[in-house]
Amino acid sequence: MLAEKIIGVWELQIWETVVDDKVIGYPLGEKASGFIAYHPIGFMSVNISAPNRARLATDDPFAGDPKLLTLDAKGYLSYCFLAFPYFFG
């Protein structure tokens, strides 16, 4: 069963956009880092970050210059959902 093979945390090796068998780009840069995790009860989450993301001067993600907040957000992707119906039958 697929679920038994993918349970765990997997480190991103590369994220590239491929069209007609040719690499046409890297959405968050060639050295993006991240991971994807599959939990035994059916949740999946992914986090990917650009290596040169803008850094905020504060730990508060809602404070600071809106332009810097936008740049910071553009360099990060995070997603989580209940994958059970799709992958875990």
N, C-alpha and C. Protein backbone atom coordinates (compact mmCIF):
# COMPACT_ATOMS: atom_id res chain seq x y z
N MET A 1 0.84 -1.19 0.00
CA MET A 1 0.00 0.00 0.00
C MET A 1 0.88 1.24 0.00
N LEU A 2 0.47 2.24 -0.75
CA LEU A 2 1.25 3.48 -0.88
C LEU A 2 1.52 4.14 0.47
N ALA A 3 0.52 4.20 1.34
CA ALA A 3 0.67 4.87 2.62
C ALA A 3 1.85 4.34 3.42
N GLU A 4 2.03 3.05 3.44
CA GLU A 4 3.12 2.45 4.22
C GLU A 4 4.49 2.82 3.66
N LYS A 5 4.55 3.14 2.39
CA LYS A 5 5.82 3.49 1.76
C LYS A 5 6.21 4.95 1.93
N ILE A 6 5.24 5.83 2.15
CA ILE A 6 5.56 7.26 2.19
C ILE A 6 5.45 7.89 3.57
N ILE A 7 4.99 7.17 4.58
CA ILE A 7 4.89 7.72 5.93
C ILE A 7 6.27 8.19 6.37
N GLY A 8 6.33 9.41 6.90
CA GLY A 8 7.58 9.96 7.40
C GLY A 8 7.83 11.35 6.87
N VAL A 9 9.03 11.84 7.08
CA VAL A 9 9.43 13.18 6.65
C VAL A 9 10.49 13.04 5.57
N TRP A 10 10.29 13.75 4.48
CA TRP A 10 11.17 13.67 3.32
C TRP A 10 11.75 15.05 3.04
N GLU A 11 13.06 15.11 2.85
CA GLU A 11 13.74 16.38 2.58
C GLU A 11 13.71 16.70 1.08
N LEU A 12 13.42 17.94 0.76
CA LEU A 12 13.41 18.39 -0.62
C LEU A 12 14.81 18.28 -1.22
N GLN A 13 14.91 17.67 -2.37
CA GLN A 13 16.19 17.58 -3.07
C GLN A 13 16.28 18.68 -4.13
N ILE A 14 15.19 18.88 -4.86
CA ILE A 14 15.14 19.92 -5.89
C ILE A 14 13.69 20.18 -6.23
N TRP A 15 13.36 21.44 -6.54
CA TRP A 15 12.02 21.78 -7.01
C TRP A 15 12.20 22.53 -8.32
N GLU A 16 11.84 21.89 -9.38
CA GLU A 16 12.01 22.49 -10.70
C GLU A 16 10.72 22.38 -11.49
N THR A 17 10.55 23.31 -12.41
CA THR A 17 9.41 23.29 -13.33
C THR A 17 9.89 22.65 -14.62
N VAL A 18 9.19 21.61 -15.05
CA VAL A 18 9.58 20.87 -16.26
C VAL A 18 8.43 20.93 -17.26
N VAL A 19 8.74 21.31 -18.49
CA VAL A 19 7.78 21.34 -19.59
C VAL A 19 8.41 20.62 -20.77
N ASP A 20 7.67 19.68 -21.33
CA ASP A 20 8.18 18.90 -22.46
C ASP A 20 9.55 18.30 -22.18
N ASP A 21 9.71 17.75 -20.97
CA ASP A 21 10.95 17.09 -20.54
C ASP A 21 12.14 18.03 -20.43
N LYS A 22 11.89 19.34 -20.35
CA LYS A 22 12.99 20.31 -20.20
C LYS A 22 12.73 21.16 -18.97
N VAL A 23 13.78 21.36 -18.16
CA VAL A 23 13.67 22.24 -17.00
C VAL A 23 13.58 23.67 -17.49
N ILE A 24 12.50 24.35 -17.08
CA ILE A 24 12.34 25.75 -17.51
C ILE A 24 12.45 26.73 -16.36
N GLY A 25 12.59 26.24 -15.14
CA GLY A 25 12.74 27.16 -14.02
C GLY A 25 12.73 26.47 -12.67
N TYR A 26 13.00 27.28 -11.66
CA TYR A 26 13.02 26.85 -10.28
C TYR A 26 12.17 27.84 -9.49
N PRO A 27 10.95 27.47 -9.09
CA PRO A 27 10.02 28.42 -8.49
C PRO A 27 10.57 29.22 -7.31
N LEU A 28 11.39 28.61 -6.45
CA LEU A 28 11.98 29.34 -5.33
C LEU A 28 13.50 29.33 -5.39
N GLY A 29 14.05 29.21 -6.57
CA GLY A 29 15.50 29.21 -6.74
C GLY A 29 16.07 27.80 -6.79
N GLU A 30 17.26 27.70 -7.33
CA GLU A 30 17.91 26.39 -7.48
C GLU A 30 18.29 25.75 -6.16
N LYS A 31 18.40 26.54 -5.11
CA LYS A 31 18.82 25.99 -3.81
C LYS A 31 17.71 26.10 -2.76
N ALA A 32 16.47 25.97 -3.20
CA ALA A 32 15.36 25.98 -2.25
C ALA A 32 15.51 24.82 -1.28
N SER A 33 15.02 24.99 -0.06
CA SER A 33 15.08 23.91 0.92
C SER A 33 13.68 23.67 1.49
N GLY A 34 13.47 22.47 1.98
CA GLY A 34 12.17 22.19 2.56
C GLY A 34 11.96 20.73 2.84
N PHE A 35 10.73 20.41 3.21
CA PHE A 35 10.39 19.03 3.51
C PHE A 35 8.90 18.80 3.27
N ILE A 36 8.56 17.54 3.13
CA ILE A 36 7.17 17.10 3.07
C ILE A 36 7.03 15.99 4.09
N ALA A 37 5.92 16.01 4.81
CA ALA A 37 5.69 15.01 5.85
C ALA A 37 4.34 14.34 5.66
N TYR A 38 4.33 13.03 5.78
CA TYR A 38 3.10 12.24 5.74
C TYR A 38 2.93 11.58 7.09
N HIS A 39 1.83 11.87 7.77
CA HIS A 39 1.55 11.32 9.10
C HIS A 39 0.70 10.06 8.96
N PRO A 40 0.89 9.09 9.81
CA PRO A 40 0.14 7.82 9.70
C PRO A 40 -1.39 7.98 9.73
N ILE A 41 -1.90 9.04 10.36
CA ILE A 41 -3.37 9.19 10.40
C ILE A 41 -3.91 9.89 9.16
N GLY A 42 -3.03 10.27 8.23
CA GLY A 42 -3.51 10.78 6.96
C GLY A 42 -3.22 12.24 6.64
N PHE A 43 -2.55 12.97 7.52
CA PHE A 43 -2.22 14.36 7.22
C PHE A 43 -0.94 14.46 6.40
N MET A 44 -0.89 15.45 5.53
CA MET A 44 0.30 15.75 4.74
C MET A 44 0.60 17.23 4.94
N SER A 45 1.87 17.58 5.08
CA SER A 45 2.25 18.99 5.12
C SER A 45 3.55 19.17 4.36
N VAL A 46 3.69 20.35 3.77
CA VAL A 46 4.90 20.67 3.01
C VAL A 46 5.33 22.09 3.36
N ASN A 47 6.63 22.30 3.45
CA ASN A 47 7.22 23.61 3.71
C ASN A 47 8.44 23.76 2.81
N ILE A 48 8.46 24.83 2.03
CA ILE A 48 9.58 25.09 1.12
C ILE A 48 9.97 26.55 1.24
N SER A 49 11.27 26.81 1.30
CA SER A 49 11.78 28.17 1.48
C SER A 49 12.87 28.48 0.46
N ALA A 50 12.82 29.71 -0.05
CA ALA A 50 13.90 30.19 -0.91
C ALA A 50 15.13 30.47 -0.05
N PRO A 51 16.32 30.24 -0.58
CA PRO A 51 17.53 30.43 0.23
C PRO A 51 17.83 31.90 0.52
N ASN A 52 17.36 32.79 -0.30
CA ASN A 52 17.69 34.21 -0.15
C ASN A 52 16.46 35.04 0.26
N ARG A 53 15.58 34.45 1.03
CA ARG A 53 14.38 35.12 1.49
C ARG A 53 14.69 36.39 2.25
N ALA A 54 13.85 37.40 2.10
CA ALA A 54 13.99 38.62 2.89
C ALA A 54 13.78 38.27 4.36
N ARG A 55 14.57 38.81 5.23
CA ARG A 55 14.44 38.54 6.66
C ARG A 55 13.84 39.77 7.34
N LEU A 56 12.93 39.51 8.26
CA LEU A 56 12.28 40.59 8.98
C LEU A 56 13.11 40.98 10.20
N ALA A 57 12.97 42.24 10.60
CA ALA A 57 13.73 42.73 11.75
C ALA A 57 13.06 42.36 13.07
N THR A 58 11.93 41.68 13.01
CA THR A 58 11.18 41.31 14.20
C THR A 58 10.73 39.85 14.10
N ASP A 59 10.45 39.25 15.24
CA ASP A 59 9.92 37.90 15.26
C ASP A 59 8.41 37.88 15.04
N ASP A 60 7.78 39.06 15.07
CA ASP A 60 6.34 39.17 14.87
C ASP A 60 6.05 39.17 13.36
N PRO A 61 5.43 38.10 12.84
CA PRO A 61 5.21 38.02 11.39
C PRO A 61 4.18 39.01 10.85
N PHE A 62 3.51 39.75 11.74
CA PHE A 62 2.50 40.71 11.31
C PHE A 62 2.94 42.15 11.52
N ALA A 63 4.15 42.36 11.98
CA ALA A 63 4.66 43.70 12.22
C ALA A 63 5.71 44.04 11.17
N GLY A 64 5.96 45.31 11.01
CA GLY A 64 7.03 45.71 10.11
C GLY A 64 6.53 46.29 8.80
N ASP A 65 7.47 46.59 7.96
CA ASP A 65 7.21 47.20 6.66
C ASP A 65 6.43 46.24 5.77
N PRO A 66 5.27 46.64 5.26
CA PRO A 66 4.47 45.76 4.40
C PRO A 66 5.23 45.26 3.17
N LYS A 67 6.13 46.06 2.62
CA LYS A 67 6.91 45.62 1.46
C LYS A 67 7.83 44.46 1.83
N LEU A 68 8.46 44.53 3.01
CA LEU A 68 9.32 43.44 3.45
C LEU A 68 8.50 42.20 3.79
N LEU A 69 7.31 42.40 4.37
CA LEU A 69 6.44 41.26 4.66
C LEU A 69 6.07 40.54 3.36
N THR A 70 5.79 41.30 2.32
CA THR A 70 5.46 40.71 1.02
C THR A 70 6.63 39.94 0.45
N LEU A 71 7.82 40.52 0.51
CA LEU A 71 9.01 39.83 0.00
C LEU A 71 9.28 38.55 0.79
N ASP A 72 9.11 38.62 2.09
CA ASP A 72 9.32 37.44 2.93
C ASP A 72 8.34 36.33 2.55
N ALA A 73 7.08 36.69 2.38
CA ALA A 73 6.05 35.70 2.04
C ALA A 73 6.27 35.10 0.66
N LYS A 74 6.77 35.88 -0.28
CA LYS A 74 7.01 35.36 -1.63
C LYS A 74 8.10 34.29 -1.66
N GLY A 75 8.90 34.22 -0.62
CA GLY A 75 9.99 33.24 -0.58
C GLY A 75 9.67 32.01 0.24
N TYR A 76 8.39 31.80 0.56
CA TYR A 76 8.05 30.68 1.43
C TYR A 76 6.71 30.08 1.03
N LEU A 77 6.64 28.77 1.05
CA LEU A 77 5.41 28.05 0.73
C LEU A 77 5.15 27.03 1.83
N SER A 78 3.93 27.01 2.32
CA SER A 78 3.55 26.04 3.33
C SER A 78 2.12 25.59 3.06
N TYR A 79 1.88 24.29 3.21
CA TYR A 79 0.55 23.75 2.92
C TYR A 79 0.34 22.49 3.75
N CYS A 80 -0.88 22.30 4.21
CA CYS A 80 -1.21 21.11 4.98
C CYS A 80 -2.64 20.71 4.64
N PHE A 81 -2.88 19.40 4.52
CA PHE A 81 -4.25 18.95 4.31
C PHE A 81 -4.40 17.50 4.74
N LEU A 82 -5.65 17.09 4.88
CA LEU A 82 -5.93 15.71 5.23
C LEU A 82 -5.88 14.89 3.96
N ALA A 83 -4.81 14.15 3.79
CA ALA A 83 -4.58 13.38 2.56
C ALA A 83 -5.26 12.03 2.59
N PHE A 84 -5.84 11.66 3.72
CA PHE A 84 -6.38 10.32 3.89
C PHE A 84 -7.24 9.84 2.73
N PRO A 85 -8.25 10.58 2.28
CA PRO A 85 -9.09 10.04 1.22
C PRO A 85 -8.36 9.83 -0.10
N TYR A 86 -7.26 10.56 -0.31
CA TYR A 86 -6.57 10.50 -1.59
C TYR A 86 -5.46 9.46 -1.62
N PHE A 87 -4.70 9.38 -0.54
CA PHE A 87 -3.51 8.53 -0.54
C PHE A 87 -3.61 7.31 0.35
N PHE A 88 -4.49 7.36 1.32
CA PHE A 88 -4.47 6.33 2.35
C PHE A 88 -5.68 5.40 2.30
N GLY A 89 -6.54 5.59 1.28
CA GLY A 89 -7.70 4.73 1.03
C GLY A 89 -8.37 4.31 2.27
